[in-house]
Amino acid sequence: MIDLNHLDDLARRLSDMVPPGLRQSREELQATFKSALQAGLGKLDLVTREEFDVQRAVLLKTREKLEALEKTVAELEARGNDTPAG
């Protein structure tokens, strides 16, 4: 899920950018920004860093297996080409 501390920080930064005359309702704006950010990010198809790292590890392992299989197939094909046709 999305780190709420990052959303709080972003909402705070957005509310800090509001002109001084409008800062009376700064807390309200900050809450509105945070809510809008959560809603917008919630609609995106995002994964956590942990999920990404797990999938990356799976992909690397799969790539290693594929390379080993390709090497084995190449060796078997080479052996097959070396035997006389009978």
C-alpha atoms as a PDB file:
ATOM      1  CA  MET A   1       0.000   0.000   0.000  1.00  0.00           C
ATOM      2  CA  ILE A   2       1.009   3.630  -0.228  1.00  0.00           C
ATOM      3  CA  ASP A   3       3.086   5.124   2.583  1.00  0.00           C
ATOM      4  CA  LEU A   4       0.837   7.625   4.345  1.00  0.00           C
ATOM      5  CA  ASN A   5       3.837   9.581   5.639  1.00  0.00           C
ATOM      6  CA  HIS A   6       4.741  10.463   2.054  1.00  0.00           C
ATOM      7  CA  LEU A   7       1.170  11.583   1.403  1.00  0.00           C
ATOM      8  CA  ASP A   8       1.177  13.711   4.553  1.00  0.00           C
ATOM      9  CA  ASP A   9       4.446  15.315   3.466  1.00  0.00           C
ATOM     10  CA  LEU A  10       3.181  15.995  -0.053  1.00  0.00           C
ATOM     11  CA  ALA A  11      -0.113  17.407   1.239  1.00  0.00           C
ATOM     12  CA  ARG A  12       1.830  19.644   3.646  1.00  0.00           C
ATOM     13  CA  ARG A  13       4.038  20.893   0.806  1.00  0.00           C
ATOM     14  CA  LEU A  14       1.010  21.650  -1.345  1.00  0.00           C
ATOM     15  CA  SER A  15      -0.671  23.560   1.463  1.00  0.00           C
ATOM     16  CA  ASP A  16       2.572  25.510   2.049  1.00  0.00           C
ATOM     17  CA  MET A  17       2.370  26.719  -1.561  1.00  0.00           C
ATOM     18  CA  VAL A  18      -1.011  28.349  -0.943  1.00  0.00           C
ATOM     19  CA  PRO A  19      -0.823  32.171  -0.807  1.00  0.00           C
ATOM     20  CA  PRO A  20      -0.666  33.625   2.725  1.00  0.00           C
ATOM     21  CA  GLY A  21      -4.148  35.146   2.496  1.00  0.00           C
ATOM     22  CA  LEU A  22      -5.675  31.711   2.040  1.00  0.00           C
ATOM     23  CA  ARG A  23      -3.703  29.956   4.743  1.00  0.00           C
ATOM     24  CA  GLN A  24      -6.455  30.441   7.310  1.00  0.00           C
ATOM     25  CA  SER A  25      -7.863  27.128   6.248  1.00  0.00           C
ATOM     26  CA  ARG A  26      -4.456  25.520   5.781  1.00  0.00           C
ATOM     27  CA  GLU A  27      -5.304  22.422   7.819  1.00  0.00           C
ATOM     28  CA  GLU A  28      -8.499  21.976   5.846  1.00  0.00           C
ATOM     29  CA  LEU A  29      -6.616  22.346   2.557  1.00  0.00           C
ATOM     30  CA  GLN A  30      -3.971  19.907   3.725  1.00  0.00           C
ATOM     31  CA  ALA A  31      -6.643  17.334   4.576  1.00  0.00           C
ATOM     32  CA  THR A  32      -8.320  17.914   1.200  1.00  0.00           C
ATOM     33  CA  PHE A  33      -5.014  17.531  -0.651  1.00  0.00           C
ATOM     34  CA  LYS A  34      -4.243  14.338   1.252  1.00  0.00           C
ATOM     35  CA  SER A  35      -7.674  12.902   0.508  1.00  0.00           C
ATOM     36  CA  ALA A  36      -7.407  13.779  -3.187  1.00  0.00           C
ATOM     37  CA  LEU A  37      -3.932  12.265  -3.409  1.00  0.00           C
ATOM     38  CA  GLN A  38      -5.062   9.062  -1.713  1.00  0.00           C
ATOM     39  CA  ALA A  39      -8.045   8.758  -4.037  1.00  0.00           C
ATOM     40  CA  GLY A  40      -5.962   9.416  -7.144  1.00  0.00           C
ATOM     41  CA  LEU A  41      -3.142   7.081  -6.200  1.00  0.00           C
ATOM     42  CA  GLY A  42      -5.616   4.421  -5.105  1.00  0.00           C
ATOM     43  CA  LYS A  43      -6.948   4.247  -8.663  1.00  0.00           C
ATOM     44  CA  LEU A  44      -3.506   3.478 -10.057  1.00  0.00           C
ATOM     45  CA  ASP A  45      -2.300  -0.080 -10.432  1.00  0.00           C
ATOM     46  CA  LEU A  46       0.742   0.287  -8.168  1.00  0.00           C
ATOM     47  CA  VAL A  47       2.788  -2.311  -6.321  1.00  0.00           C
ATOM     48  CA  THR A  48       4.799  -1.923  -3.168  1.00  0.00           C
ATOM     49  CA  ARG A  49       8.583  -1.898  -3.254  1.00  0.00           C
ATOM     50  CA  GLU A  50       8.549  -5.283  -1.528  1.00  0.00           C
ATOM     51  CA  GLU A  51       6.280  -6.788  -4.200  1.00  0.00           C
ATOM     52  CA  PHE A  52       8.482  -5.296  -6.913  1.00  0.00           C
ATOM     53  CA  ASP A  53      11.645  -6.730  -5.354  1.00  0.00           C
ATOM     54  CA  VAL A  54      10.063 -10.190  -5.044  1.00  0.00           C
ATOM     55  CA  GLN A  55       9.012 -10.169  -8.698  1.00  0.00           C
ATOM     56  CA  ARG A  56      12.451  -8.922  -9.735  1.00  0.00           C
ATOM     57  CA  ALA A  57      14.090 -11.823  -7.891  1.00  0.00           C
ATOM     58  CA  VAL A  58      11.700 -14.292  -9.539  1.00  0.00           C
ATOM     59  CA  LEU A  59      12.488 -12.813 -12.944  1.00  0.00           C
ATOM     60  CA  LEU A  60      16.252 -13.037 -12.367  1.00  0.00           C
ATOM     61  CA  LYS A  61      15.972 -16.667 -11.264  1.00  0.00           C
ATOM     62  CA  THR A  62      13.810 -17.468 -14.290  1.00  0.00           C
ATOM     63  CA  ARG A  63      16.326 -15.800 -16.588  1.00  0.00           C
ATOM     64  CA  GLU A  64      19.154 -17.872 -15.067  1.00  0.00           C
ATOM     65  CA  LYS A  65      17.166 -21.076 -15.597  1.00  0.00           C
ATOM     66  CA  LEU A  66      16.372 -20.092 -19.184  1.00  0.00           C
ATOM     67  CA  GLU A  67      20.032 -19.408 -19.939  1.00  0.00           C
ATOM     68  CA  ALA A  68      21.015 -22.782 -18.443  1.00  0.00           C
ATOM     69  CA  LEU A  69      18.356 -24.549 -20.525  1.00  0.00           C
ATOM     70  CA  GLU A  70      19.478 -22.755 -23.677  1.00  0.00           C
ATOM     71  CA  LYS A  71      23.045 -23.883 -23.010  1.00  0.00           C
ATOM     72  CA  THR A  72      21.905 -27.480 -22.440  1.00  0.00           C
ATOM     73  CA  VAL A  73      19.844 -27.486 -25.639  1.00  0.00           C
ATOM     74  CA  ALA A  74      22.777 -26.077 -27.614  1.00  0.00           C
ATOM     75  CA  GLU A  75      25.063 -28.811 -26.216  1.00  0.00           C
ATOM     76  CA  LEU A  76      22.538 -31.527 -27.058  1.00  0.00           C
ATOM     77  CA  GLU A  77      22.080 -30.154 -30.560  1.00  0.00           C
ATOM     78  CA  ALA A  78      25.854 -30.063 -31.043  1.00  0.00           C
ATOM     79  CA  ARG A  79      26.116 -33.685 -29.921  1.00  0.00           C
ATOM     80  CA  GLY A  80      23.300 -34.658 -32.244  1.00  0.00           C
ATOM     81  CA  ASN A  81      25.070 -33.035 -35.160  1.00  0.00           C
ATOM     82  CA  ASP A  82      28.320 -34.890 -34.356  1.00  0.00           C
ATOM     83  CA  THR A  83      26.795 -38.384 -34.575  1.00  0.00           C
ATOM     84  CA  PRO A  84      26.864 -39.938 -38.029  1.00  0.00           C
ATOM     85  CA  ALA A  85      23.539 -40.376 -39.776  1.00  0.00           C
ATOM     86  CA  GLY A  86      22.598 -43.971 -39.544  1.00  0.00           C
END
